[in-house]
Amino acid sequence: MVQAVHGPEDLTFNQVAQILTEALGRPVRLNLVSDDGVRDALRAAGLPPSAVEGIVGMTAGSRGLVPEQPRDLLTTTPTRLGGWAHAHLRPLLER
């Protein structure tokens, strides 16, 4: 069984970048990368061709993905991304 965890609101990637920018005190921006760009980066990191194609296939397959588990009373949490990022991510960046 998979237990989905949805925050209290659905966010776009641009909204996530803005919230993280504010919570972390440093710029975060959305950077769309093409399949070929992913391939190039993975090859440059030294991954073998089979791993490169597997990862590119997974990323391509997740485009337009709709979560399996819908938002409902059980899956929706009160924790907002900004509060979580400020409490958990920001301290990691301050080390």
N, C-alpha and C. Protein backbone atom coordinates (compact mmCIF):
# COMPACT_ATOMS: atom_id res chain seq x y z
N MET A 1 0.84 -1.19 0.00
CA MET A 1 0.00 0.00 0.00
C MET A 1 0.89 1.25 0.00
N VAL A 2 0.46 2.24 -0.72
CA VAL A 2 1.17 3.51 -0.79
C VAL A 2 0.32 4.57 -0.09
N GLN A 3 0.94 5.34 0.79
CA GLN A 3 0.23 6.41 1.47
C GLN A 3 0.67 7.74 0.86
N ALA A 4 -0.21 8.37 0.14
CA ALA A 4 0.10 9.67 -0.45
C ALA A 4 0.16 10.73 0.65
N VAL A 5 0.98 11.74 0.42
CA VAL A 5 1.06 12.88 1.33
C VAL A 5 1.00 14.14 0.47
N HIS A 6 -0.12 14.81 0.55
CA HIS A 6 -0.32 16.05 -0.19
C HIS A 6 -0.33 17.19 0.82
N GLY A 7 0.33 18.27 0.49
CA GLY A 7 0.22 19.45 1.33
C GLY A 7 -1.17 20.05 1.20
N PRO A 8 -1.41 21.17 1.82
CA PRO A 8 -2.75 21.75 1.83
C PRO A 8 -3.16 22.42 0.51
N GLU A 9 -2.22 22.53 -0.44
CA GLU A 9 -2.58 23.16 -1.71
C GLU A 9 -1.77 22.56 -2.85
N ASP A 10 -2.35 22.56 -4.04
CA ASP A 10 -1.64 22.12 -5.23
C ASP A 10 -0.84 23.30 -5.76
N LEU A 11 0.40 23.07 -6.14
CA LEU A 11 1.30 24.14 -6.58
C LEU A 11 1.85 23.84 -7.96
N THR A 12 2.10 24.90 -8.71
CA THR A 12 2.81 24.76 -9.98
C THR A 12 4.31 24.74 -9.66
N PHE A 13 5.12 24.33 -10.63
CA PHE A 13 6.56 24.33 -10.41
C PHE A 13 7.07 25.75 -10.18
N ASN A 14 6.50 26.74 -10.85
CA ASN A 14 6.92 28.13 -10.63
C ASN A 14 6.56 28.59 -9.23
N GLN A 15 5.40 28.18 -8.72
CA GLN A 15 5.03 28.53 -7.35
C GLN A 15 5.99 27.88 -6.35
N VAL A 16 6.37 26.63 -6.61
CA VAL A 16 7.33 25.95 -5.74
C VAL A 16 8.65 26.71 -5.72
N ALA A 17 9.13 27.13 -6.88
CA ALA A 17 10.38 27.88 -6.94
C ALA A 17 10.29 29.18 -6.14
N GLN A 18 9.19 29.89 -6.25
CA GLN A 18 9.02 31.14 -5.51
C GLN A 18 8.96 30.90 -4.01
N ILE A 19 8.23 29.89 -3.59
CA ILE A 19 8.13 29.56 -2.16
C ILE A 19 9.50 29.17 -1.61
N LEU A 20 10.25 28.35 -2.36
CA LEU A 20 11.58 27.96 -1.89
C LEU A 20 12.54 29.13 -1.87
N THR A 21 12.44 30.03 -2.84
CA THR A 21 13.27 31.24 -2.83
C THR A 21 13.06 32.02 -1.55
N GLU A 22 11.81 32.21 -1.18
CA GLU A 22 11.49 32.97 0.04
C GLU A 22 11.93 32.23 1.30
N ALA A 23 11.69 30.93 1.36
CA ALA A 23 12.01 30.16 2.57
C ALA A 23 13.52 29.98 2.76
N LEU A 24 14.26 29.86 1.67
CA LEU A 24 15.68 29.57 1.76
C LEU A 24 16.56 30.81 1.71
N GLY A 25 15.97 31.93 1.29
CA GLY A 25 16.76 33.16 1.23
C GLY A 25 17.78 33.16 0.10
N ARG A 26 17.52 32.39 -0.92
CA ARG A 26 18.40 32.35 -2.10
C ARG A 26 17.53 32.00 -3.29
N PRO A 27 17.93 32.44 -4.48
CA PRO A 27 17.08 32.22 -5.65
C PRO A 27 16.98 30.76 -6.06
N VAL A 28 15.77 30.34 -6.31
CA VAL A 28 15.48 29.01 -6.86
C VAL A 28 14.63 29.25 -8.09
N ARG A 29 15.00 28.65 -9.20
CA ARG A 29 14.21 28.86 -10.41
C ARG A 29 13.98 27.55 -11.13
N LEU A 30 12.91 27.53 -11.87
CA LEU A 30 12.57 26.38 -12.69
C LEU A 30 13.45 26.39 -13.93
N ASN A 31 14.05 25.25 -14.22
CA ASN A 31 14.90 25.14 -15.40
C ASN A 31 14.48 23.88 -16.15
N LEU A 32 13.73 24.06 -17.21
CA LEU A 32 13.29 22.92 -18.00
C LEU A 32 14.46 22.36 -18.78
N VAL A 33 14.62 21.06 -18.74
CA VAL A 33 15.73 20.40 -19.42
C VAL A 33 15.14 19.40 -20.42
N SER A 34 15.60 19.47 -21.64
CA SER A 34 15.12 18.55 -22.68
C SER A 34 15.65 17.14 -22.41
N ASP A 35 15.06 16.17 -23.07
CA ASP A 35 15.56 14.79 -22.95
C ASP A 35 17.03 14.72 -23.36
N ASP A 36 17.38 15.42 -24.43
CA ASP A 36 18.78 15.41 -24.87
C ASP A 36 19.68 16.09 -23.83
N GLY A 37 19.18 17.11 -23.18
CA GLY A 37 19.94 17.77 -22.13
C GLY A 37 20.18 16.84 -20.94
N VAL A 38 19.16 16.06 -20.59
CA VAL A 38 19.31 15.07 -19.52
C VAL A 38 20.34 14.02 -19.94
N ARG A 39 20.22 13.54 -21.17
CA ARG A 39 21.18 12.55 -21.68
C ARG A 39 22.62 13.08 -21.57
N ASP A 40 22.81 14.30 -22.05
CA ASP A 40 24.16 14.89 -22.03
C ASP A 40 24.70 14.99 -20.61
N ALA A 41 23.87 15.43 -19.67
CA ALA A 41 24.32 15.58 -18.28
C ALA A 41 24.66 14.22 -17.66
N LEU A 42 23.83 13.22 -17.93
CA LEU A 42 24.08 11.89 -17.37
C LEU A 42 25.33 11.26 -17.97
N ARG A 43 25.51 11.44 -19.27
CA ARG A 43 26.73 10.92 -19.91
C ARG A 43 27.97 11.61 -19.34
N ALA A 44 27.87 12.94 -19.16
CA ALA A 44 29.00 13.69 -18.61
C ALA A 44 29.32 13.25 -17.18
N ALA A 45 28.30 12.74 -16.46
CA ALA A 45 28.52 12.25 -15.11
C ALA A 45 29.09 10.83 -15.11
N GLY A 46 29.21 10.23 -16.30
CA GLY A 46 29.83 8.93 -16.41
C GLY A 46 28.88 7.74 -16.35
N LEU A 47 27.59 7.97 -16.44
CA LEU A 47 26.66 6.85 -16.42
C LEU A 47 26.74 6.05 -17.70
N PRO A 48 26.55 4.74 -17.60
CA PRO A 48 26.57 3.91 -18.80
C PRO A 48 25.32 4.15 -19.65
N PRO A 49 25.39 3.87 -20.93
CA PRO A 49 24.26 4.14 -21.83
C PRO A 49 22.93 3.54 -21.37
N SER A 50 22.95 2.33 -20.82
CA SER A 50 21.69 1.71 -20.38
C SER A 50 21.06 2.51 -19.24
N ALA A 51 21.88 3.01 -18.32
CA ALA A 51 21.37 3.81 -17.21
C ALA A 51 20.84 5.15 -17.72
N VAL A 52 21.57 5.76 -18.64
CA VAL A 52 21.14 7.04 -19.23
C VAL A 52 19.76 6.89 -19.84
N GLU A 53 19.59 5.87 -20.67
CA GLU A 53 18.30 5.70 -21.35
C GLU A 53 17.19 5.33 -20.38
N GLY A 54 17.52 4.57 -19.35
CA GLY A 54 16.52 4.23 -18.33
C GLY A 54 16.02 5.45 -17.60
N ILE A 55 16.93 6.34 -17.21
CA ILE A 55 16.55 7.56 -16.49
C ILE A 55 15.79 8.50 -17.41
N VAL A 56 16.25 8.66 -18.65
CA VAL A 56 15.53 9.52 -19.60
C VAL A 56 14.12 8.98 -19.82
N GLY A 57 13.98 7.67 -19.92
CA GLY A 57 12.66 7.07 -20.09
C GLY A 57 11.75 7.33 -18.90
N MET A 58 12.30 7.26 -17.69
CA MET A 58 11.49 7.53 -16.49
C MET A 58 11.05 8.99 -16.44
N THR A 59 11.97 9.90 -16.76
CA THR A 59 11.59 11.31 -16.70
C THR A 59 10.56 11.63 -17.78
N ALA A 60 10.72 11.07 -18.97
CA ALA A 60 9.74 11.30 -20.04
C ALA A 60 8.39 10.71 -19.66
N GLY A 61 8.41 9.57 -19.01
CA GLY A 61 7.17 8.92 -18.61
C GLY A 61 6.42 9.62 -17.50
N SER A 62 7.10 10.50 -16.78
CA SER A 62 6.44 11.19 -15.67
C SER A 62 5.82 12.53 -16.08
N ARG A 63 6.00 12.93 -17.32
CA ARG A 63 5.39 14.19 -17.77
C ARG A 63 3.87 14.07 -17.73
N GLY A 64 3.25 15.06 -17.18
CA GLY A 64 1.79 15.06 -17.12
C GLY A 64 1.23 14.03 -16.15
N LEU A 65 2.08 13.54 -15.27
CA LEU A 65 1.68 12.52 -14.32
C LEU A 65 0.64 13.06 -13.35
N VAL A 66 -0.40 12.32 -13.15
CA VAL A 66 -1.44 12.66 -12.17
C VAL A 66 -1.24 11.71 -11.00
N PRO A 67 -1.18 12.23 -9.77
CA PRO A 67 -0.96 11.35 -8.62
C PRO A 67 -2.00 10.22 -8.57
N GLU A 68 -1.52 9.03 -8.24
CA GLU A 68 -2.40 7.88 -8.14
C GLU A 68 -3.42 8.05 -7.04
N GLN A 69 -2.97 8.57 -5.92
CA GLN A 69 -3.84 8.74 -4.77
C GLN A 69 -4.40 10.16 -4.78
N PRO A 70 -5.71 10.30 -4.81
CA PRO A 70 -6.30 11.64 -4.86
C PRO A 70 -6.16 12.36 -3.53
N ARG A 71 -6.30 13.67 -3.60
CA ARG A 71 -6.31 14.47 -2.39
C ARG A 71 -7.62 14.16 -1.65
N ASP A 72 -7.50 13.79 -0.39
CA ASP A 72 -8.68 13.57 0.44
C ASP A 72 -8.32 13.87 1.89
N LEU A 73 -9.20 13.58 2.80
CA LEU A 73 -8.97 13.89 4.21
C LEU A 73 -7.74 13.19 4.76
N LEU A 74 -7.51 11.96 4.34
CA LEU A 74 -6.37 11.19 4.84
C LEU A 74 -5.04 11.63 4.24
N THR A 75 -5.02 12.02 2.96
CA THR A 75 -3.76 12.32 2.29
C THR A 75 -3.34 13.79 2.39
N THR A 76 -4.24 14.66 2.79
CA THR A 76 -3.92 16.09 2.85
C THR A 76 -3.38 16.46 4.22
N THR A 77 -2.19 17.05 4.24
CA THR A 77 -1.56 17.46 5.49
C THR A 77 -1.65 18.98 5.65
N PRO A 78 -1.56 19.49 6.87
CA PRO A 78 -1.62 20.94 7.07
C PRO A 78 -0.30 21.64 6.81
N THR A 79 0.78 20.89 6.62
CA THR A 79 2.11 21.49 6.48
C THR A 79 2.28 22.12 5.10
N ARG A 80 2.60 23.42 5.11
CA ARG A 80 2.84 24.13 3.86
C ARG A 80 4.31 23.99 3.47
N LEU A 81 4.58 24.01 2.17
CA LEU A 81 5.95 23.84 1.67
C LEU A 81 6.90 24.87 2.25
N GLY A 82 6.49 26.12 2.31
CA GLY A 82 7.38 27.17 2.81
C GLY A 82 7.81 26.93 4.25
N GLY A 83 6.88 26.55 5.10
CA GLY A 83 7.21 26.27 6.50
C GLY A 83 8.13 25.07 6.64
N TRP A 84 7.85 24.03 5.86
CA TRP A 84 8.70 22.84 5.89
C TRP A 84 10.10 23.17 5.40
N ALA A 85 10.20 23.89 4.29
CA ALA A 85 11.51 24.24 3.73
C ALA A 85 12.31 25.10 4.70
N HIS A 86 11.64 26.04 5.35
CA HIS A 86 12.33 26.92 6.29
C HIS A 86 12.83 26.12 7.49
N ALA A 87 12.03 25.18 7.96
CA ALA A 87 12.39 24.40 9.14
C ALA A 87 13.40 23.30 8.84
N HIS A 88 13.34 22.69 7.67
CA HIS A 88 14.17 21.52 7.40
C HIS A 88 15.26 21.72 6.36
N LEU A 89 15.00 22.50 5.32
CA LEU A 89 16.02 22.70 4.28
C LEU A 89 16.97 23.83 4.61
N ARG A 90 16.42 24.95 5.08
CA ARG A 90 17.28 26.12 5.34
C ARG A 90 18.41 25.79 6.32
N PRO A 91 18.15 25.06 7.42
CA PRO A 91 19.27 24.74 8.31
C PRO A 91 20.38 23.92 7.63
N LEU A 92 20.02 23.08 6.68
CA LEU A 92 21.04 22.31 5.95
C LEU A 92 21.93 23.22 5.10
N LEU A 93 21.36 24.30 4.58
CA LEU A 93 22.13 25.22 3.76
C LEU A 93 23.00 26.15 4.60
N GLU A 94 22.66 26.29 5.85
CA GLU A 94 23.40 27.18 6.74
C GLU A 94 24.60 26.51 7.39
N ARG A 95 24.79 25.23 7.15
CA ARG A 95 25.93 24.51 7.75
C ARG A 95 27.22 24.90 7.10
